[in-house]
Amino acid sequence: MSTYKIIDNQMAESLLIRRRQQSITLADMAKKTGVTRDVLSQIERGKKQVVQARVFSSLNDWLLQEEKK
């Protein structure tokens, strides 16, 4: 099992859009997801695509959770 996953441009854009829709800061999103503000910033800017599986799962869960609301 791979310990790293790829965050593609579509997922990165979805994270940015959802965060802006909720009007929350990177710091707020970091608290909600358990992913550091710096990593979130790099993902949103397309500077970081390879992440630990834990980070990928946390962000994916956050997106899915927010879709249900």
C-alpha atoms as a PDB file:
ATOM      1  CA  MET A   1       0.000   0.000   0.000  1.00  0.00           C
ATOM      2  CA  SER A   2       1.339   3.383  -0.985  1.00  0.00           C
ATOM      3  CA  THR A   3       1.870   5.878   1.787  1.00  0.00           C
ATOM      4  CA  TYR A   4       1.622   8.786  -0.656  1.00  0.00           C
ATOM      5  CA  LYS A   5      -1.216  10.025  -2.845  1.00  0.00           C
ATOM      6  CA  ILE A   6      -1.519  12.580  -5.627  1.00  0.00           C
ATOM      7  CA  ILE A   7      -3.745  15.623  -5.281  1.00  0.00           C
ATOM      8  CA  ASP A   8      -4.665  16.574  -8.823  1.00  0.00           C
ATOM      9  CA  ASN A   9      -5.488  20.095  -9.986  1.00  0.00           C
ATOM     10  CA  GLN A  10      -9.227  19.444  -9.812  1.00  0.00           C
ATOM     11  CA  MET A  11      -9.092  18.437  -6.158  1.00  0.00           C
ATOM     12  CA  ALA A  12      -6.835  21.381  -5.292  1.00  0.00           C
ATOM     13  CA  GLU A  13      -9.260  23.750  -6.994  1.00  0.00           C
ATOM     14  CA  SER A  14     -12.207  22.150  -5.187  1.00  0.00           C
ATOM     15  CA  LEU A  15     -10.481  22.692  -1.842  1.00  0.00           C
ATOM     16  CA  LEU A  16      -9.837  26.352  -2.626  1.00  0.00           C
ATOM     17  CA  ILE A  17     -13.374  26.970  -3.883  1.00  0.00           C
ATOM     18  CA  ARG A  18     -14.986  25.255  -0.898  1.00  0.00           C
ATOM     19  CA  ARG A  19     -12.787  27.157   1.557  1.00  0.00           C
ATOM     20  CA  ARG A  20     -13.663  30.477  -0.074  1.00  0.00           C
ATOM     21  CA  GLN A  21     -17.378  29.612  -0.192  1.00  0.00           C
ATOM     22  CA  GLN A  22     -17.259  29.096   3.560  1.00  0.00           C
ATOM     23  CA  SER A  23     -15.186  32.256   4.055  1.00  0.00           C
ATOM     24  CA  ILE A  24     -12.684  30.438   6.256  1.00  0.00           C
ATOM     25  CA  THR A  25      -8.971  31.077   6.480  1.00  0.00           C
ATOM     26  CA  LEU A  26      -6.237  28.563   5.834  1.00  0.00           C
ATOM     27  CA  ALA A  27      -5.694  28.483   9.605  1.00  0.00           C
ATOM     28  CA  ASP A  28      -9.369  27.589  10.169  1.00  0.00           C
ATOM     29  CA  MET A  29      -9.220  24.892   7.526  1.00  0.00           C
ATOM     30  CA  ALA A  30      -6.030  23.549   9.087  1.00  0.00           C
ATOM     31  CA  LYS A  31      -7.853  23.146  12.395  1.00  0.00           C
ATOM     32  CA  LYS A  32     -10.763  21.368  10.727  1.00  0.00           C
ATOM     33  CA  THR A  33      -8.644  18.989   8.659  1.00  0.00           C
ATOM     34  CA  GLY A  34      -5.536  18.459  10.780  1.00  0.00           C
ATOM     35  CA  VAL A  35      -3.369  19.516   7.817  1.00  0.00           C
ATOM     36  CA  THR A  36      -0.926  22.378   8.363  1.00  0.00           C
ATOM     37  CA  ARG A  37      -1.673  25.799   6.943  1.00  0.00           C
ATOM     38  CA  ASP A  38       1.578  25.720   4.981  1.00  0.00           C
ATOM     39  CA  VAL A  39       0.736  22.416   3.285  1.00  0.00           C
ATOM     40  CA  LEU A  40      -2.801  23.611   2.503  1.00  0.00           C
ATOM     41  CA  SER A  41      -1.402  26.780   0.939  1.00  0.00           C
ATOM     42  CA  GLN A  42       1.035  24.801  -1.204  1.00  0.00           C
ATOM     43  CA  ILE A  43      -1.740  22.467  -2.354  1.00  0.00           C
ATOM     44  CA  GLU A  44      -4.062  25.334  -3.285  1.00  0.00           C
ATOM     45  CA  ARG A  45      -1.277  27.050  -5.251  1.00  0.00           C
ATOM     46  CA  GLY A  46      -0.426  23.827  -7.085  1.00  0.00           C
ATOM     47  CA  LYS A  47       3.055  23.714  -5.544  1.00  0.00           C
ATOM     48  CA  LYS A  48       2.449  20.424  -3.737  1.00  0.00           C
ATOM     49  CA  GLN A  49       0.727  17.434  -5.299  1.00  0.00           C
ATOM     50  CA  VAL A  50       2.316  14.438  -3.592  1.00  0.00           C
ATOM     51  CA  VAL A  51       1.069  14.147  -0.021  1.00  0.00           C
ATOM     52  CA  GLN A  52       0.903  11.519   2.674  1.00  0.00           C
ATOM     53  CA  ALA A  53      -2.111   9.230   2.413  1.00  0.00           C
ATOM     54  CA  ARG A  54      -3.320  10.581   5.778  1.00  0.00           C
ATOM     55  CA  VAL A  55      -3.359  14.146   4.399  1.00  0.00           C
ATOM     56  CA  PHE A  56      -5.162  13.054   1.237  1.00  0.00           C
ATOM     57  CA  SER A  57      -7.795  11.173   3.238  1.00  0.00           C
ATOM     58  CA  SER A  58      -8.357  14.066   5.605  1.00  0.00           C
ATOM     59  CA  LEU A  59      -8.855  16.560   2.774  1.00  0.00           C
ATOM     60  CA  ASN A  60     -11.033  14.184   0.784  1.00  0.00           C
ATOM     61  CA  ASP A  61     -13.192  13.518   3.856  1.00  0.00           C
ATOM     62  CA  TRP A  62     -13.537  17.277   4.425  1.00  0.00           C
ATOM     63  CA  LEU A  63     -14.688  17.818   0.843  1.00  0.00           C
ATOM     64  CA  LEU A  64     -17.193  14.956   1.051  1.00  0.00           C
ATOM     65  CA  GLN A  65     -18.458  16.115   4.435  1.00  0.00           C
ATOM     66  CA  GLU A  66     -18.988  19.640   3.139  1.00  0.00           C
ATOM     67  CA  GLU A  67     -20.868  18.352   0.064  1.00  0.00           C
ATOM     68  CA  LYS A  68     -23.463  16.706   2.301  1.00  0.00           C
ATOM     69  CA  LYS A  69     -24.339  19.979   4.033  1.00  0.00           C
END
